[in-house]
Amino acid sequence: MRRRGEETISETLFWDYLAPIKHKLYNYIHKSLNFSVDTDDVFQETILRAFQYFRSFQKDKNFSAWLFSIAHNEVKRSFKKSRRQSLVLNSDALPSTVANPSDELVREVYRFAGRLRPREREIFFLFYESGFSIAEISDISGLKEGHIKLLLFQARNHLKKIIGAQNE
């Protein structure tokens, strides 16, 4: 049986941990799902599942990696549900204001990254957008570090081919 005071402290702690990374988490899910309209549902399911299992979180571990591993599983679950449906890039969801030319270049790379295979796209955004290290991505995805490096290598090569074909 739960104690009322413990539950309140645990709930408060969860929201305190979540607050600084909530936007980063949403962006990761949004880009992993190729800017799909399903992003809000997957984000909400991730938060609900994390809240449900927060008691299993070990306070000495990295909360971001723990939460992103839940998001990773929810993204995979979403792909399985919509395997027959093609995820289409929603270009309206991309940022429309460009402060300088390098922002436009980043926007273009993200647009092209939408054409990567789902696993490559997810690892690409975990590494380049969310700023996780190879070791952290390994914790999040359950993949070995060598496999992650291979996926990043493949993603970069596919992007080069996609961008090169676009410019021909």
N, C-alpha and C. Protein backbone atom coordinates (compact mmCIF):
# COMPACT_ATOMS: atom_id res chain seq x y z
N MET A 1 0.84 -1.17 0.00
CA MET A 1 0.00 0.00 0.00
C MET A 1 0.89 1.24 0.00
N ARG A 2 0.53 2.24 -0.79
CA ARG A 2 1.32 3.46 -0.89
C ARG A 2 0.96 4.43 0.23
N ARG A 3 1.98 5.12 0.65
CA ARG A 3 1.75 6.18 1.63
C ARG A 3 1.50 7.46 0.86
N ARG A 4 0.60 8.23 1.36
CA ARG A 4 0.21 9.44 0.66
C ARG A 4 1.40 10.40 0.50
N GLY A 5 2.18 10.61 1.55
CA GLY A 5 3.32 11.51 1.49
C GLY A 5 4.37 11.05 0.50
N GLU A 6 4.65 9.76 0.45
CA GLU A 6 5.62 9.20 -0.49
C GLU A 6 5.18 9.43 -1.92
N GLU A 7 3.93 9.21 -2.16
CA GLU A 7 3.41 9.36 -3.51
C GLU A 7 3.56 10.80 -3.98
N THR A 8 3.26 11.75 -3.13
CA THR A 8 3.37 13.15 -3.49
C THR A 8 4.82 13.53 -3.76
N ILE A 9 5.74 13.08 -2.92
CA ILE A 9 7.16 13.37 -3.12
C ILE A 9 7.64 12.74 -4.42
N SER A 10 7.25 11.51 -4.67
CA SER A 10 7.65 10.82 -5.89
C SER A 10 7.10 11.52 -7.12
N GLU A 11 5.85 11.93 -7.07
CA GLU A 11 5.24 12.65 -8.20
C GLU A 11 5.97 13.96 -8.45
N THR A 12 6.22 14.71 -7.39
CA THR A 12 6.92 15.99 -7.52
C THR A 12 8.31 15.79 -8.10
N LEU A 13 9.01 14.78 -7.62
CA LEU A 13 10.35 14.48 -8.12
C LEU A 13 10.32 14.13 -9.60
N PHE A 14 9.34 13.35 -10.01
CA PHE A 14 9.21 12.98 -11.42
C PHE A 14 9.08 14.23 -12.28
N TRP A 15 8.17 15.13 -11.91
CA TRP A 15 7.93 16.33 -12.72
C TRP A 15 9.14 17.26 -12.68
N ASP A 16 9.85 17.28 -11.57
CA ASP A 16 11.07 18.09 -11.48
C ASP A 16 12.15 17.54 -12.42
N TYR A 17 12.29 16.23 -12.49
CA TYR A 17 13.25 15.61 -13.40
C TYR A 17 12.85 15.83 -14.86
N LEU A 18 11.56 15.78 -15.13
CA LEU A 18 11.06 15.87 -16.50
C LEU A 18 11.15 17.28 -17.07
N ALA A 19 10.88 18.28 -16.26
CA ALA A 19 10.76 19.66 -16.73
C ALA A 19 11.90 20.12 -17.64
N PRO A 20 13.16 19.95 -17.25
CA PRO A 20 14.23 20.50 -18.10
C PRO A 20 14.47 19.75 -19.41
N ILE A 21 13.94 18.54 -19.55
CA ILE A 21 14.22 17.77 -20.77
C ILE A 21 12.96 17.47 -21.59
N LYS A 22 11.84 17.98 -21.16
CA LYS A 22 10.57 17.69 -21.83
C LYS A 22 10.59 18.11 -23.30
N HIS A 23 11.09 19.29 -23.59
CA HIS A 23 11.12 19.79 -24.97
C HIS A 23 12.07 18.94 -25.83
N LYS A 24 13.21 18.60 -25.26
CA LYS A 24 14.21 17.76 -25.95
C LYS A 24 13.61 16.39 -26.27
N LEU A 25 12.87 15.83 -25.31
CA LEU A 25 12.21 14.54 -25.50
C LEU A 25 11.18 14.61 -26.62
N TYR A 26 10.37 15.65 -26.61
CA TYR A 26 9.34 15.81 -27.64
C TYR A 26 9.99 15.91 -29.02
N ASN A 27 11.05 16.72 -29.13
CA ASN A 27 11.73 16.87 -30.42
C ASN A 27 12.30 15.55 -30.91
N TYR A 28 12.88 14.79 -30.00
CA TYR A 28 13.43 13.47 -30.37
C TYR A 28 12.32 12.57 -30.94
N ILE A 29 11.21 12.50 -30.26
CA ILE A 29 10.10 11.66 -30.72
C ILE A 29 9.57 12.17 -32.05
N HIS A 30 9.42 13.48 -32.15
CA HIS A 30 8.88 14.09 -33.37
C HIS A 30 9.76 13.78 -34.58
N LYS A 31 11.05 13.88 -34.41
CA LYS A 31 11.97 13.63 -35.52
C LYS A 31 12.14 12.14 -35.78
N SER A 32 12.13 11.33 -34.73
CA SER A 32 12.24 9.88 -34.92
C SER A 32 11.04 9.34 -35.69
N LEU A 33 9.90 9.96 -35.49
CA LEU A 33 8.68 9.54 -36.19
C LEU A 33 8.52 10.28 -37.52
N ASN A 34 9.59 10.93 -37.94
CA ASN A 34 9.59 11.61 -39.23
C ASN A 34 8.52 12.70 -39.29
N PHE A 35 8.40 13.45 -38.21
CA PHE A 35 7.48 14.58 -38.11
C PHE A 35 6.03 14.15 -38.28
N SER A 36 5.73 12.96 -37.83
CA SER A 36 4.40 12.38 -37.96
C SER A 36 3.40 13.06 -37.03
N VAL A 37 2.13 12.99 -37.42
CA VAL A 37 1.07 13.51 -36.56
C VAL A 37 0.88 12.65 -35.32
N ASP A 38 1.50 11.48 -35.28
CA ASP A 38 1.41 10.59 -34.13
C ASP A 38 2.32 11.01 -32.98
N THR A 39 3.11 12.04 -33.19
CA THR A 39 4.09 12.47 -32.19
C THR A 39 3.44 12.74 -30.83
N ASP A 40 2.36 13.49 -30.81
CA ASP A 40 1.72 13.84 -29.54
C ASP A 40 1.28 12.60 -28.78
N ASP A 41 0.73 11.63 -29.50
CA ASP A 41 0.29 10.39 -28.85
C ASP A 41 1.46 9.62 -28.26
N VAL A 42 2.55 9.51 -29.02
CA VAL A 42 3.72 8.77 -28.55
C VAL A 42 4.38 9.50 -27.39
N PHE A 43 4.43 10.82 -27.47
CA PHE A 43 4.99 11.61 -26.38
C PHE A 43 4.17 11.41 -25.10
N GLN A 44 2.87 11.49 -25.23
CA GLN A 44 2.00 11.31 -24.07
C GLN A 44 2.14 9.90 -23.49
N GLU A 45 2.19 8.91 -24.34
CA GLU A 45 2.35 7.53 -23.88
C GLU A 45 3.69 7.34 -23.18
N THR A 46 4.72 7.99 -23.69
CA THR A 46 6.04 7.93 -23.05
C THR A 46 6.00 8.51 -21.65
N ILE A 47 5.38 9.67 -21.51
CA ILE A 47 5.29 10.33 -20.21
C ILE A 47 4.47 9.46 -19.24
N LEU A 48 3.36 8.93 -19.72
CA LEU A 48 2.52 8.09 -18.87
C LEU A 48 3.25 6.84 -18.41
N ARG A 49 3.95 6.20 -19.34
CA ARG A 49 4.68 4.98 -19.00
C ARG A 49 5.84 5.29 -18.03
N ALA A 50 6.53 6.40 -18.27
CA ALA A 50 7.62 6.79 -17.37
C ALA A 50 7.08 7.09 -15.98
N PHE A 51 5.97 7.78 -15.91
CA PHE A 51 5.37 8.09 -14.62
C PHE A 51 4.96 6.81 -13.89
N GLN A 52 4.39 5.90 -14.66
CA GLN A 52 3.92 4.63 -14.10
C GLN A 52 5.09 3.83 -13.51
N TYR A 53 6.24 3.87 -14.16
CA TYR A 53 7.39 3.07 -13.73
C TYR A 53 8.47 3.88 -13.02
N PHE A 54 8.15 5.10 -12.64
CA PHE A 54 9.14 5.97 -12.02
C PHE A 54 9.72 5.36 -10.74
N ARG A 55 8.94 4.58 -10.05
CA ARG A 55 9.43 3.95 -8.82
C ARG A 55 10.58 2.98 -9.10
N SER A 56 10.66 2.47 -10.32
CA SER A 56 11.75 1.55 -10.66
C SER A 56 13.02 2.30 -11.09
N PHE A 57 12.91 3.60 -11.29
CA PHE A 57 14.07 4.40 -11.69
C PHE A 57 15.06 4.48 -10.52
N GLN A 58 16.30 4.17 -10.81
CA GLN A 58 17.36 4.24 -9.79
C GLN A 58 17.92 5.66 -9.79
N LYS A 59 17.76 6.32 -8.68
CA LYS A 59 18.10 7.75 -8.56
C LYS A 59 19.56 8.07 -8.88
N ASP A 60 20.44 7.09 -8.79
CA ASP A 60 21.86 7.32 -9.09
C ASP A 60 22.15 7.18 -10.59
N LYS A 61 21.15 6.84 -11.38
CA LYS A 61 21.31 6.69 -12.83
C LYS A 61 20.92 7.98 -13.55
N ASN A 62 21.18 8.02 -14.84
CA ASN A 62 20.86 9.18 -15.67
C ASN A 62 19.37 9.16 -16.04
N PHE A 63 18.61 10.12 -15.54
CA PHE A 63 17.17 10.16 -15.80
C PHE A 63 16.89 10.35 -17.29
N SER A 64 17.65 11.20 -17.96
CA SER A 64 17.44 11.44 -19.40
C SER A 64 17.57 10.15 -20.19
N ALA A 65 18.63 9.40 -19.93
CA ALA A 65 18.83 8.14 -20.65
C ALA A 65 17.69 7.16 -20.35
N TRP A 66 17.27 7.10 -19.09
CA TRP A 66 16.17 6.22 -18.70
C TRP A 66 14.89 6.61 -19.44
N LEU A 67 14.59 7.90 -19.45
CA LEU A 67 13.37 8.39 -20.10
C LEU A 67 13.43 8.20 -21.62
N PHE A 68 14.58 8.48 -22.20
CA PHE A 68 14.71 8.32 -23.65
C PHE A 68 14.65 6.85 -24.05
N SER A 69 15.05 5.94 -23.17
CA SER A 69 14.91 4.52 -23.49
C SER A 69 13.43 4.13 -23.53
N ILE A 70 12.63 4.73 -22.67
CA ILE A 70 11.18 4.50 -22.72
C ILE A 70 10.63 5.08 -24.02
N ALA A 71 11.07 6.28 -24.36
CA ALA A 71 10.63 6.89 -25.62
C ALA A 71 11.04 6.04 -26.81
N HIS A 72 12.25 5.52 -26.78
CA HIS A 72 12.74 4.64 -27.85
C HIS A 72 11.79 3.46 -28.03
N ASN A 73 11.40 2.84 -26.92
CA ASN A 73 10.48 1.70 -26.99
C ASN A 73 9.11 2.12 -27.52
N GLU A 74 8.66 3.30 -27.15
CA GLU A 74 7.37 3.79 -27.64
C GLU A 74 7.44 4.11 -29.14
N VAL A 75 8.57 4.64 -29.59
CA VAL A 75 8.76 4.90 -31.02
C VAL A 75 8.73 3.58 -31.79
N LYS A 76 9.43 2.57 -31.27
CA LYS A 76 9.41 1.25 -31.91
C LYS A 76 8.00 0.69 -31.95
N ARG A 77 7.28 0.83 -30.86
CA ARG A 77 5.90 0.35 -30.79
C ARG A 77 5.03 1.07 -31.82
N SER A 78 5.26 2.36 -31.99
CA SER A 78 4.50 3.13 -32.97
C SER A 78 4.80 2.64 -34.39
N PHE A 79 6.08 2.34 -34.67
CA PHE A 79 6.44 1.82 -35.99
C PHE A 79 5.77 0.48 -36.26
N LYS A 80 5.70 -0.35 -35.24
CA LYS A 80 5.06 -1.65 -35.40
C LYS A 80 3.58 -1.49 -35.70
N LYS A 81 2.93 -0.53 -35.03
CA LYS A 81 1.51 -0.30 -35.24
C LYS A 81 1.23 0.22 -36.64
N SER A 82 2.11 1.07 -37.12
CA SER A 82 1.87 1.71 -38.41
C SER A 82 2.77 1.16 -39.51
N ARG A 83 3.22 -0.07 -39.35
CA ARG A 83 4.14 -0.68 -40.31
C ARG A 83 3.59 -0.64 -41.73
N ARG A 84 2.31 -0.81 -41.86
CA ARG A 84 1.70 -0.82 -43.19
C ARG A 84 1.47 0.58 -43.74
N GLN A 85 1.48 1.55 -42.83
CA GLN A 85 1.28 2.93 -43.26
C GLN A 85 2.62 3.58 -43.49
N SER A 86 2.71 4.40 -44.47
CA SER A 86 3.95 5.11 -44.76
C SER A 86 3.96 6.42 -43.97
N LEU A 87 5.02 6.65 -43.20
CA LEU A 87 5.16 7.92 -42.50
C LEU A 87 5.61 8.95 -43.51
N VAL A 88 4.86 10.03 -43.62
CA VAL A 88 5.15 11.07 -44.59
C VAL A 88 5.67 12.30 -43.85
N LEU A 89 6.72 12.88 -44.38
CA LEU A 89 7.29 14.07 -43.78
C LEU A 89 6.28 15.20 -43.84
N ASN A 90 6.00 15.80 -42.71
CA ASN A 90 5.11 16.94 -42.63
C ASN A 90 5.98 18.19 -42.64
N SER A 91 6.20 18.77 -43.81
CA SER A 91 7.12 19.89 -43.91
C SER A 91 6.61 21.11 -43.17
N ASP A 92 5.32 21.19 -42.90
CA ASP A 92 4.79 22.30 -42.12
C ASP A 92 5.28 22.24 -40.68
N ALA A 93 5.67 21.06 -40.22
CA ALA A 93 6.12 20.90 -38.84
C ALA A 93 7.56 21.34 -38.65
N LEU A 94 8.29 21.52 -39.75
CA LEU A 94 9.66 21.98 -39.63
C LEU A 94 9.68 23.46 -39.28
N PRO A 95 10.68 23.92 -38.57
CA PRO A 95 10.76 25.33 -38.22
C PRO A 95 10.75 26.19 -39.47
N SER A 96 9.97 27.26 -39.47
CA SER A 96 9.83 28.08 -40.67
C SER A 96 10.69 29.33 -40.64
N THR A 97 11.09 29.78 -39.47
CA THR A 97 11.91 30.98 -39.39
C THR A 97 13.38 30.59 -39.42
N VAL A 98 14.13 31.31 -40.21
CA VAL A 98 15.55 31.02 -40.34
C VAL A 98 16.32 32.27 -39.94
N ALA A 99 17.09 32.19 -38.85
CA ALA A 99 17.83 33.33 -38.34
C ALA A 99 19.10 33.59 -39.15
N ASN A 100 19.75 32.53 -39.62
CA ASN A 100 20.95 32.71 -40.43
C ASN A 100 21.09 31.53 -41.38
N PRO A 101 21.98 31.64 -42.36
CA PRO A 101 22.11 30.58 -43.37
C PRO A 101 22.43 29.21 -42.80
N SER A 102 23.19 29.13 -41.70
CA SER A 102 23.50 27.82 -41.15
C SER A 102 22.23 27.15 -40.60
N ASP A 103 21.28 27.95 -40.11
CA ASP A 103 19.99 27.39 -39.67
C ASP A 103 19.26 26.76 -40.85
N GLU A 104 19.34 27.38 -42.00
CA GLU A 104 18.70 26.83 -43.19
C GLU A 104 19.35 25.52 -43.59
N LEU A 105 20.67 25.44 -43.46
CA LEU A 105 21.38 24.20 -43.77
C LEU A 105 20.95 23.09 -42.82
N VAL A 106 20.87 23.40 -41.54
CA VAL A 106 20.43 22.41 -40.55
C VAL A 106 19.01 21.95 -40.88
N ARG A 107 18.15 22.89 -41.23
CA ARG A 107 16.77 22.56 -41.58
C ARG A 107 16.73 21.62 -42.79
N GLU A 108 17.58 21.86 -43.76
CA GLU A 108 17.65 21.00 -44.94
C GLU A 108 18.14 19.60 -44.59
N VAL A 109 19.16 19.53 -43.75
CA VAL A 109 19.68 18.22 -43.34
C VAL A 109 18.59 17.45 -42.61
N TYR A 110 17.84 18.12 -41.73
CA TYR A 110 16.75 17.45 -41.01
C TYR A 110 15.67 16.98 -41.98
N ARG A 111 15.41 17.79 -42.98
CA ARG A 111 14.41 17.40 -43.98
C ARG A 111 14.88 16.15 -44.73
N PHE A 112 16.13 16.12 -45.11
CA PHE A 112 16.67 14.94 -45.79
C PHE A 112 16.75 13.74 -44.86
N ALA A 113 17.03 13.99 -43.58
CA ALA A 113 17.11 12.89 -42.60
C ALA A 113 15.77 12.18 -42.47
N GLY A 114 14.71 12.84 -42.83
CA GLY A 114 13.39 12.21 -42.82
C GLY A 114 13.29 11.04 -43.78
N ARG A 115 14.21 10.97 -44.72
CA ARG A 115 14.21 9.87 -45.69
C ARG A 115 15.05 8.68 -45.24
N LEU A 116 15.74 8.82 -44.14
CA LEU A 116 16.54 7.70 -43.63
C LEU A 116 15.63 6.59 -43.14
N ARG A 117 16.19 5.38 -43.06
CA ARG A 117 15.43 4.27 -42.48
C ARG A 117 15.14 4.60 -41.02
N PRO A 118 14.03 4.10 -40.48
CA PRO A 118 13.62 4.48 -39.12
C PRO A 118 14.72 4.33 -38.06
N ARG A 119 15.42 3.22 -38.03
CA ARG A 119 16.46 3.02 -37.01
C ARG A 119 17.58 4.02 -37.19
N GLU A 120 18.02 4.25 -38.44
CA GLU A 120 19.08 5.22 -38.70
C GLU A 120 18.65 6.63 -38.28
N ARG A 121 17.40 6.97 -38.63
CA ARG A 121 16.88 8.30 -38.31
C ARG A 121 16.84 8.52 -36.79
N GLU A 122 16.39 7.51 -36.07
CA GLU A 122 16.30 7.62 -34.62
C GLU A 122 17.69 7.82 -34.00
N ILE A 123 18.66 7.00 -34.41
CA ILE A 123 20.02 7.10 -33.87
C ILE A 123 20.64 8.44 -34.28
N PHE A 124 20.41 8.86 -35.51
CA PHE A 124 20.91 10.14 -36.01
C PHE A 124 20.45 11.29 -35.12
N PHE A 125 19.15 11.33 -34.81
CA PHE A 125 18.63 12.42 -34.00
C PHE A 125 19.02 12.31 -32.53
N LEU A 126 19.16 11.09 -32.02
CA LEU A 126 19.64 10.95 -30.64
C LEU A 126 21.05 11.52 -30.52
N PHE A 127 21.87 11.27 -31.53
CA PHE A 127 23.26 11.71 -31.48
C PHE A 127 23.41 13.19 -31.80
N TYR A 128 22.87 13.63 -32.95
CA TYR A 128 23.11 14.99 -33.42
C TYR A 128 22.15 16.01 -32.82
N GLU A 129 20.90 15.68 -32.66
CA GLU A 129 19.92 16.64 -32.15
C GLU A 129 19.87 16.63 -30.62
N SER A 130 19.79 15.44 -30.03
CA SER A 130 19.64 15.36 -28.58
C SER A 130 20.97 15.39 -27.84
N GLY A 131 22.06 15.14 -28.56
CA GLY A 131 23.38 15.27 -27.97
C GLY A 131 23.81 14.14 -27.06
N PHE A 132 23.20 12.97 -27.21
CA PHE A 132 23.60 11.83 -26.39
C PHE A 132 24.89 11.23 -26.94
N SER A 133 25.71 10.70 -26.05
CA SER A 133 26.94 10.02 -26.46
C SER A 133 26.59 8.62 -26.98
N ILE A 134 27.55 7.98 -27.60
CA ILE A 134 27.36 6.61 -28.10
C ILE A 134 26.97 5.69 -26.94
N ALA A 135 27.65 5.83 -25.81
CA ALA A 135 27.34 4.98 -24.64
C ALA A 135 25.91 5.23 -24.15
N GLU A 136 25.48 6.48 -24.12
CA GLU A 136 24.12 6.79 -23.67
C GLU A 136 23.09 6.25 -24.65
N ILE A 137 23.38 6.35 -25.94
CA ILE A 137 22.47 5.81 -26.95
C ILE A 137 22.38 4.30 -26.80
N SER A 138 23.49 3.68 -26.44
CA SER A 138 23.49 2.24 -26.19
C SER A 138 22.55 1.90 -25.04
N ASP A 139 22.60 2.69 -23.98
CA ASP A 139 21.69 2.48 -22.85
C ASP A 139 20.24 2.69 -23.25
N ILE A 140 20.00 3.70 -24.07
CA ILE A 140 18.64 4.04 -24.49
C ILE A 140 18.06 2.98 -25.41
N SER A 141 18.85 2.58 -26.40
CA SER A 141 18.33 1.71 -27.45
C SER A 141 18.53 0.22 -27.19
N GLY A 142 19.46 -0.10 -26.29
CA GLY A 142 19.77 -1.51 -26.06
C GLY A 142 20.70 -2.09 -27.11
N LEU A 143 21.19 -1.24 -28.00
CA LEU A 143 22.11 -1.69 -29.05
C LEU A 143 23.55 -1.59 -28.55
N LYS A 144 24.41 -2.40 -29.11
CA LYS A 144 25.83 -2.34 -28.77
C LYS A 144 26.43 -1.07 -29.40
N GLU A 145 27.46 -0.55 -28.75
CA GLU A 145 28.07 0.70 -29.22
C GLU A 145 28.58 0.59 -30.65
N GLY A 146 29.15 -0.56 -31.01
CA GLY A 146 29.61 -0.76 -32.39
C GLY A 146 28.48 -0.68 -33.39
N HIS A 147 27.32 -1.20 -33.03
CA HIS A 147 26.16 -1.15 -33.91
C HIS A 147 25.68 0.29 -34.08
N ILE A 148 25.73 1.05 -33.02
CA ILE A 148 25.32 2.46 -33.09
C ILE A 148 26.27 3.23 -34.00
N LYS A 149 27.57 2.98 -33.87
CA LYS A 149 28.54 3.64 -34.73
C LYS A 149 28.29 3.27 -36.20
N LEU A 150 27.97 2.02 -36.44
CA LEU A 150 27.66 1.58 -37.80
C LEU A 150 26.41 2.30 -38.33
N LEU A 151 25.38 2.39 -37.51
CA LEU A 151 24.15 3.06 -37.93
C LEU A 151 24.39 4.55 -38.22
N LEU A 152 25.22 5.19 -37.40
CA LEU A 152 25.56 6.59 -37.66
C LEU A 152 26.35 6.73 -38.97
N PHE A 153 27.27 5.82 -39.19
CA PHE A 153 28.05 5.81 -40.43
C PHE A 153 27.12 5.64 -41.63
N GLN A 154 26.21 4.67 -41.53
CA GLN A 154 25.25 4.43 -42.62
C GLN A 154 24.34 5.63 -42.83
N ALA A 155 23.89 6.23 -41.74
CA ALA A 155 23.00 7.40 -41.84
C ALA A 155 23.72 8.55 -42.55
N ARG A 156 24.97 8.80 -42.19
CA ARG A 156 25.73 9.87 -42.85
C ARG A 156 25.92 9.56 -44.33
N ASN A 157 26.23 8.31 -44.65
CA ASN A 157 26.41 7.94 -46.06
C ASN A 157 25.10 8.06 -46.83
N HIS A 158 24.00 7.63 -46.23
CA HIS A 158 22.70 7.76 -46.90
C HIS A 158 22.34 9.23 -47.10
N LEU A 159 22.64 10.06 -46.12
CA LEU A 159 22.37 11.49 -46.27
C LEU A 159 23.19 12.09 -47.40
N LYS A 160 24.45 11.68 -47.50
CA LYS A 160 25.29 12.18 -48.60
C LYS A 160 24.69 11.80 -49.94
N LYS A 161 24.21 10.56 -50.05
CA LYS A 161 23.60 10.11 -51.31
C LYS A 161 22.30 10.86 -51.58
N ILE A 162 21.48 11.02 -50.56
CA ILE A 162 20.20 11.72 -50.72
C ILE A 162 20.42 13.17 -51.13
N ILE A 163 21.34 13.83 -50.45
CA ILE A 163 21.62 15.24 -50.76
C ILE A 163 22.26 15.35 -52.14
N GLY A 164 23.17 14.42 -52.46
CA GLY A 164 23.81 14.44 -53.79
C GLY A 164 22.80 14.21 -54.89
N ALA A 165 21.87 13.29 -54.73
CA ALA A 165 20.84 13.02 -55.73
C ALA A 165 19.91 14.21 -55.88
N GLN A 166 19.66 14.90 -54.80
CA GLN A 166 18.78 16.08 -54.82
C GLN A 166 19.41 17.22 -55.60
N ASN A 167 20.74 17.30 -55.54
CA ASN A 167 21.45 18.42 -56.18
C ASN A 167 21.81 18.14 -57.63
N GLU A 168 21.51 16.93 -58.12
CA GLU A 168 21.86 16.60 -59.53
C GLU A 168 20.84 17.16 -60.48
